[in-house]
């Protein structure tokens, strides 16, 4: 006697393969070795992300904003598309009150009552 098939058996999806979390020093080593030549990558939370190319509207907007920022803040404070280095030591209040304050004319912030 024939049997009606009501469900198609589906095998479970394989789990995601483990990913390598890259450190900044590992990326520097890769870059120096030449393995990353001709690739536009950025390190975001341990993952190497391919950067997209820019189209004309993006370039036009960037040019307008850059010109305006230079007029407002001056050329010495505006760096179009310069890489930023967000190291753990750069995110503390102490760094803001000392190192970064010096960059803004030596004007230290008022004491917030907390110390870090």
N, C-alpha and C. Protein backbone atom coordinates (compact mmCIF):
# COMPACT_ATOMS: atom_id res chain seq x y z
N UNK A 1 0.83 -1.15 0.00
CA UNK A 1 0.00 0.00 0.00
C UNK A 1 0.89 1.24 0.00
N UNK A 2 0.61 2.24 -0.88
CA UNK A 2 1.42 3.46 -0.94
C UNK A 2 1.23 4.32 0.32
N UNK A 3 2.30 5.05 0.68
CA UNK A 3 2.26 5.92 1.86
C UNK A 3 2.42 7.36 1.37
N UNK A 4 1.57 8.23 1.86
CA UNK A 4 1.67 9.65 1.50
C UNK A 4 2.76 10.31 2.35
N UNK A 5 3.59 11.06 1.68
CA UNK A 5 4.68 11.76 2.37
C UNK A 5 4.20 13.18 2.66
N UNK A 6 4.08 13.53 3.90
CA UNK A 6 3.58 14.86 4.26
C UNK A 6 4.70 15.84 4.58
N UNK A 7 5.85 15.38 4.95
CA UNK A 7 6.98 16.26 5.24
C UNK A 7 8.21 15.75 4.54
N UNK A 8 8.97 16.68 4.01
CA UNK A 8 10.23 16.32 3.38
C UNK A 8 11.30 16.33 4.47
N UNK A 9 11.99 15.22 4.64
CA UNK A 9 13.02 15.21 5.68
C UNK A 9 14.11 16.24 5.36
N UNK A 10 14.44 17.04 6.35
CA UNK A 10 15.46 18.07 6.19
C UNK A 10 16.54 17.83 7.23
N UNK A 11 17.76 17.77 6.76
CA UNK A 11 18.85 17.61 7.72
C UNK A 11 19.15 18.99 8.31
N UNK A 12 19.52 19.05 9.58
CA UNK A 12 19.79 20.35 10.21
C UNK A 12 20.98 21.03 9.54
N UNK A 13 20.92 22.35 9.53
CA UNK A 13 22.01 23.13 8.95
C UNK A 13 23.27 22.92 9.78
N UNK A 14 24.40 22.82 9.11
CA UNK A 14 25.64 22.65 9.87
C UNK A 14 25.91 23.90 10.70
N UNK A 15 26.53 23.75 11.86
CA UNK A 15 26.84 24.93 12.68
C UNK A 15 27.87 25.80 11.96
N UNK A 16 27.85 27.08 12.30
CA UNK A 16 28.85 27.99 11.71
C UNK A 16 30.24 27.51 12.09
N UNK A 17 31.16 27.58 11.13
CA UNK A 17 32.54 27.18 11.47
C UNK A 17 33.13 28.19 12.46
N UNK A 18 34.05 27.75 13.27
CA UNK A 18 34.66 28.69 14.21
C UNK A 18 35.40 29.80 13.46
N UNK A 19 35.32 30.99 14.00
CA UNK A 19 35.98 32.13 13.37
C UNK A 19 37.22 32.53 14.15
N UNK A 20 38.19 33.03 13.42
CA UNK A 20 39.42 33.53 14.03
C UNK A 20 39.21 34.99 14.40
N UNK A 21 39.42 35.33 15.66
CA UNK A 21 39.36 36.71 16.12
C UNK A 21 40.77 37.28 16.04
N UNK A 22 40.98 38.26 15.18
CA UNK A 22 42.30 38.83 14.95
C UNK A 22 42.60 39.91 15.97
N UNK A 23 43.87 40.03 16.33
CA UNK A 23 44.31 41.12 17.19
C UNK A 23 44.99 42.16 16.30
N UNK A 24 45.17 43.33 16.85
CA UNK A 24 45.84 44.38 16.09
C UNK A 24 47.27 43.98 15.73
N UNK A 25 47.99 43.36 16.67
CA UNK A 25 49.38 42.97 16.39
C UNK A 25 49.44 41.89 15.30
N UNK A 26 48.49 40.97 15.29
CA UNK A 26 48.45 39.96 14.23
C UNK A 26 48.20 40.61 12.87
N UNK A 27 47.34 41.61 12.83
CA UNK A 27 47.06 42.30 11.56
C UNK A 27 48.27 43.08 11.07
N UNK A 28 49.00 43.67 12.00
CA UNK A 28 50.23 44.38 11.63
C UNK A 28 51.22 43.40 11.01
N UNK A 29 51.34 42.21 11.62
CA UNK A 29 52.24 41.18 11.10
C UNK A 29 51.80 40.74 9.70
N UNK A 30 50.50 40.52 9.51
CA UNK A 30 49.98 40.14 8.18
C UNK A 30 50.27 41.23 7.15
N UNK A 31 50.06 42.47 7.56
CA UNK A 31 50.29 43.58 6.64
C UNK A 31 51.76 43.68 6.24
N UNK A 32 52.64 43.54 7.21
CA UNK A 32 54.09 43.61 6.93
C UNK A 32 54.55 42.46 6.05
N UNK A 33 53.89 41.31 6.15
CA UNK A 33 54.29 40.15 5.35
C UNK A 33 53.84 40.28 3.90
N UNK A 34 52.96 41.22 3.62
CA UNK A 34 52.48 41.41 2.25
C UNK A 34 51.24 40.61 1.91
N UNK A 35 50.73 39.84 2.86
CA UNK A 35 49.55 39.02 2.59
C UNK A 35 48.28 39.85 2.38
N UNK A 36 48.29 41.07 2.89
CA UNK A 36 47.10 41.92 2.75
C UNK A 36 47.26 42.98 1.67
N UNK A 37 48.32 42.88 0.87
CA UNK A 37 48.52 43.86 -0.21
C UNK A 37 47.33 43.86 -1.16
N UNK A 38 46.99 45.02 -1.64
CA UNK A 38 45.90 45.21 -2.60
C UNK A 38 44.53 44.88 -2.01
N UNK A 39 44.42 44.82 -0.70
CA UNK A 39 43.12 44.58 -0.08
C UNK A 39 42.78 45.76 0.82
N UNK A 40 41.54 46.19 0.75
CA UNK A 40 41.07 47.28 1.61
C UNK A 40 40.29 46.64 2.75
N UNK A 41 40.95 46.51 3.89
CA UNK A 41 40.35 45.84 5.04
C UNK A 41 40.41 46.74 6.26
N UNK A 42 39.49 46.51 7.19
CA UNK A 42 39.58 47.16 8.49
C UNK A 42 39.26 46.14 9.56
N UNK A 43 39.88 46.32 10.71
CA UNK A 43 39.70 45.41 11.84
C UNK A 43 38.61 45.97 12.73
N UNK A 44 37.52 45.22 12.86
CA UNK A 44 36.38 45.65 13.69
C UNK A 44 36.05 44.51 14.65
N UNK A 45 36.27 44.74 15.93
CA UNK A 45 35.98 43.76 16.97
C UNK A 45 36.53 42.37 16.64
N UNK A 46 37.77 42.33 16.16
CA UNK A 46 38.44 41.07 15.90
C UNK A 46 38.19 40.47 14.53
N UNK A 47 37.34 41.09 13.73
CA UNK A 47 37.05 40.57 12.38
C UNK A 47 37.63 41.50 11.33
N UNK A 48 38.20 40.91 10.29
CA UNK A 48 38.68 41.70 9.16
C UNK A 48 37.52 41.89 8.20
N UNK A 49 37.14 43.14 7.98
CA UNK A 49 35.99 43.48 7.15
C UNK A 49 36.49 44.15 5.88
N UNK A 50 35.98 43.69 4.75
CA UNK A 50 36.34 44.29 3.47
C UNK A 50 35.62 45.62 3.32
N UNK A 51 36.38 46.67 3.01
CA UNK A 51 35.78 48.00 2.85
C UNK A 51 35.24 48.14 1.43
N UNK A 52 34.07 48.75 1.33
CA UNK A 52 33.44 48.96 0.03
C UNK A 52 34.09 50.15 -0.68
N UNK A 53 34.04 50.12 -2.00
CA UNK A 53 34.52 51.24 -2.78
C UNK A 53 33.55 52.40 -2.69
N UNK A 54 34.00 53.56 -3.09
CA UNK A 54 33.16 54.75 -3.01
C UNK A 54 32.61 55.10 -4.40
N UNK A 55 31.37 55.56 -4.41
CA UNK A 55 30.75 56.01 -5.65
C UNK A 55 30.73 57.53 -5.66
N UNK A 56 30.44 58.11 -6.81
CA UNK A 56 30.51 59.55 -7.00
C UNK A 56 29.72 60.34 -5.95
N UNK A 57 28.46 59.99 -5.62
CA UNK A 57 27.75 60.78 -4.60
C UNK A 57 28.48 60.81 -3.26
N UNK A 58 29.10 59.71 -2.88
CA UNK A 58 29.85 59.65 -1.63
C UNK A 58 31.04 60.62 -1.69
N UNK A 59 31.76 60.58 -2.80
CA UNK A 59 32.93 61.45 -2.95
C UNK A 59 32.51 62.91 -2.94
N UNK A 60 31.42 63.24 -3.62
CA UNK A 60 30.94 64.62 -3.65
C UNK A 60 30.57 65.10 -2.24
N UNK A 61 29.84 64.26 -1.49
CA UNK A 61 29.44 64.63 -0.14
C UNK A 61 30.67 64.79 0.76
N UNK A 62 31.62 63.89 0.64
CA UNK A 62 32.84 63.96 1.44
C UNK A 62 33.59 65.26 1.16
N UNK A 63 33.68 65.65 -0.09
CA UNK A 63 34.38 66.88 -0.46
C UNK A 63 33.69 68.10 0.16
N UNK A 64 32.37 68.14 0.09
CA UNK A 64 31.64 69.28 0.67
C UNK A 64 31.80 69.35 2.18
N UNK A 65 31.66 68.21 2.84
CA UNK A 65 31.78 68.18 4.31
C UNK A 65 33.21 68.52 4.73
N UNK A 66 34.19 67.98 4.01
CA UNK A 66 35.59 68.26 4.34
C UNK A 66 35.88 69.75 4.21
N UNK A 67 35.42 70.36 3.14
CA UNK A 67 35.63 71.80 2.93
C UNK A 67 35.02 72.60 4.07
N UNK A 68 33.80 72.25 4.46
CA UNK A 68 33.12 72.96 5.55
C UNK A 68 33.86 72.78 6.86
N UNK A 69 34.29 71.55 7.17
CA UNK A 69 35.00 71.29 8.42
C UNK A 69 36.31 72.07 8.49
N UNK A 70 37.03 72.17 7.38
CA UNK A 70 38.28 72.93 7.35
C UNK A 70 37.99 74.40 7.63
N UNK A 71 36.91 74.93 7.06
CA UNK A 71 36.56 76.33 7.32
C UNK A 71 36.21 76.57 8.78
N UNK A 72 35.56 75.60 9.41
CA UNK A 72 35.13 75.76 10.80
C UNK A 72 36.28 75.51 11.77
N UNK A 73 37.02 74.41 11.60
CA UNK A 73 38.02 74.00 12.58
C UNK A 73 39.46 74.27 12.17
N UNK A 74 39.72 74.51 10.90
CA UNK A 74 41.08 74.70 10.42
C UNK A 74 41.70 73.40 9.93
N UNK A 75 42.62 73.53 9.01
CA UNK A 75 43.22 72.38 8.35
C UNK A 75 43.95 71.44 9.32
N UNK A 76 44.54 72.00 10.38
CA UNK A 76 45.31 71.15 11.30
C UNK A 76 44.45 70.17 12.08
N UNK A 77 43.14 70.40 12.17
CA UNK A 77 42.26 69.52 12.94
C UNK A 77 41.38 68.62 12.08
N UNK A 78 41.49 68.74 10.76
CA UNK A 78 40.63 67.95 9.87
C UNK A 78 41.50 67.04 9.01
N UNK A 79 41.28 65.75 9.13
CA UNK A 79 42.01 64.76 8.35
C UNK A 79 41.00 63.86 7.66
N UNK A 80 40.77 64.12 6.39
CA UNK A 80 39.77 63.34 5.67
C UNK A 80 40.18 61.88 5.57
N UNK A 81 39.33 61.01 6.07
CA UNK A 81 39.47 59.56 5.95
C UNK A 81 40.77 59.01 6.52
N UNK A 82 41.35 59.72 7.47
CA UNK A 82 42.55 59.21 8.12
C UNK A 82 42.15 58.07 9.05
N UNK A 83 42.97 57.03 9.15
CA UNK A 83 42.62 55.93 10.05
C UNK A 83 42.65 56.41 11.49
N UNK A 84 41.78 55.83 12.30
CA UNK A 84 41.79 56.15 13.72
C UNK A 84 42.28 54.92 14.47
N UNK A 85 42.97 55.16 15.55
CA UNK A 85 43.50 54.08 16.36
C UNK A 85 42.83 54.15 17.72
N UNK A 86 41.86 53.30 17.95
CA UNK A 86 41.13 53.31 19.20
C UNK A 86 41.69 52.22 20.09
N UNK A 87 42.76 52.57 20.76
CA UNK A 87 43.41 51.62 21.67
C UNK A 87 42.71 51.71 23.02
N UNK A 88 42.72 50.64 23.79
CA UNK A 88 42.05 50.66 25.09
C UNK A 88 42.51 51.82 25.97
N UNK A 89 43.78 52.18 25.91
CA UNK A 89 44.27 53.25 26.75
C UNK A 89 43.75 54.62 26.31
N UNK A 90 43.19 54.72 25.10
CA UNK A 90 42.66 55.98 24.61
C UNK A 90 41.25 56.27 25.09
N UNK A 91 40.61 55.33 25.74
CA UNK A 91 39.21 55.51 26.08
C UNK A 91 38.97 55.87 27.54
N UNK A 92 40.01 56.05 28.30
CA UNK A 92 39.83 56.35 29.72
C UNK A 92 39.68 57.85 29.95
N UNK A 93 39.04 58.21 31.03
CA UNK A 93 38.86 59.61 31.39
C UNK A 93 40.21 60.27 31.63
N UNK A 94 41.14 59.55 32.23
CA UNK A 94 42.46 60.12 32.49
C UNK A 94 43.13 60.56 31.20
N UNK A 95 43.02 59.74 30.17
CA UNK A 95 43.60 60.09 28.87
C UNK A 95 42.91 61.33 28.30
N UNK A 96 41.58 61.42 28.46
CA UNK A 96 40.85 62.59 27.98
C UNK A 96 41.33 63.86 28.68
N UNK A 97 41.57 63.77 29.99
CA UNK A 97 41.94 64.95 30.77
C UNK A 97 43.40 65.36 30.59
N UNK A 98 44.23 64.44 30.11
CA UNK A 98 45.66 64.77 29.98
C UNK A 98 46.07 64.84 28.51
N UNK A 99 46.15 63.71 27.86
CA UNK A 99 46.67 63.64 26.49
C UNK A 99 45.78 64.42 25.52
N UNK A 100 44.49 64.13 25.54
CA UNK A 100 43.60 64.77 24.59
C UNK A 100 43.40 66.25 24.89
N UNK A 101 43.40 66.62 26.16
CA UNK A 101 43.25 68.03 26.51
C UNK A 101 44.38 68.85 25.91
N UNK A 102 45.58 68.29 25.89
CA UNK A 102 46.72 69.00 25.32
C UNK A 102 46.53 69.25 23.82
N UNK A 103 45.84 68.34 23.15
CA UNK A 103 45.59 68.51 21.72
C UNK A 103 44.64 69.66 21.45
N UNK A 104 43.81 70.00 22.41
CA UNK A 104 42.82 71.06 22.25
C UNK A 104 43.25 72.33 22.97
N UNK A 105 44.52 72.64 22.89
CA UNK A 105 45.02 73.89 23.44
C UNK A 105 45.31 73.85 24.92
N UNK A 106 45.45 72.67 25.49
CA UNK A 106 45.81 72.56 26.90
C UNK A 106 44.68 72.84 27.86
N UNK A 107 43.47 72.96 27.37
CA UNK A 107 42.32 73.22 28.24
C UNK A 107 41.84 71.92 28.85
N UNK A 108 42.20 71.66 30.07
CA UNK A 108 41.75 70.45 30.76
C UNK A 108 40.31 70.63 31.20
N UNK A 109 39.58 69.54 31.22
CA UNK A 109 38.19 69.57 31.66
C UNK A 109 38.14 69.79 33.17
N UNK A 110 37.02 70.29 33.64
CA UNK A 110 36.83 70.47 35.07
C UNK A 110 36.83 69.10 35.75
N UNK A 111 37.25 69.07 36.98
CA UNK A 111 37.29 67.81 37.73
C UNK A 111 35.87 67.29 37.86
N UNK A 112 35.66 66.01 37.45
CA UNK A 112 34.34 65.43 37.48
C UNK A 112 34.04 64.76 38.82
N UNK A 113 35.00 64.73 39.70
CA UNK A 113 34.80 64.10 40.99
C UNK A 113 35.10 62.61 40.98
N UNK A 114 35.42 62.06 39.82
CA UNK A 114 35.79 60.65 39.75
C UNK A 114 37.20 60.54 39.26
N UNK A 115 37.87 59.51 39.66
CA UNK A 115 39.23 59.29 39.19
C UNK A 115 39.34 57.93 38.56
N UNK A 116 40.00 57.88 37.42
CA UNK A 116 40.24 56.62 36.72
C UNK A 116 41.66 56.53 36.31
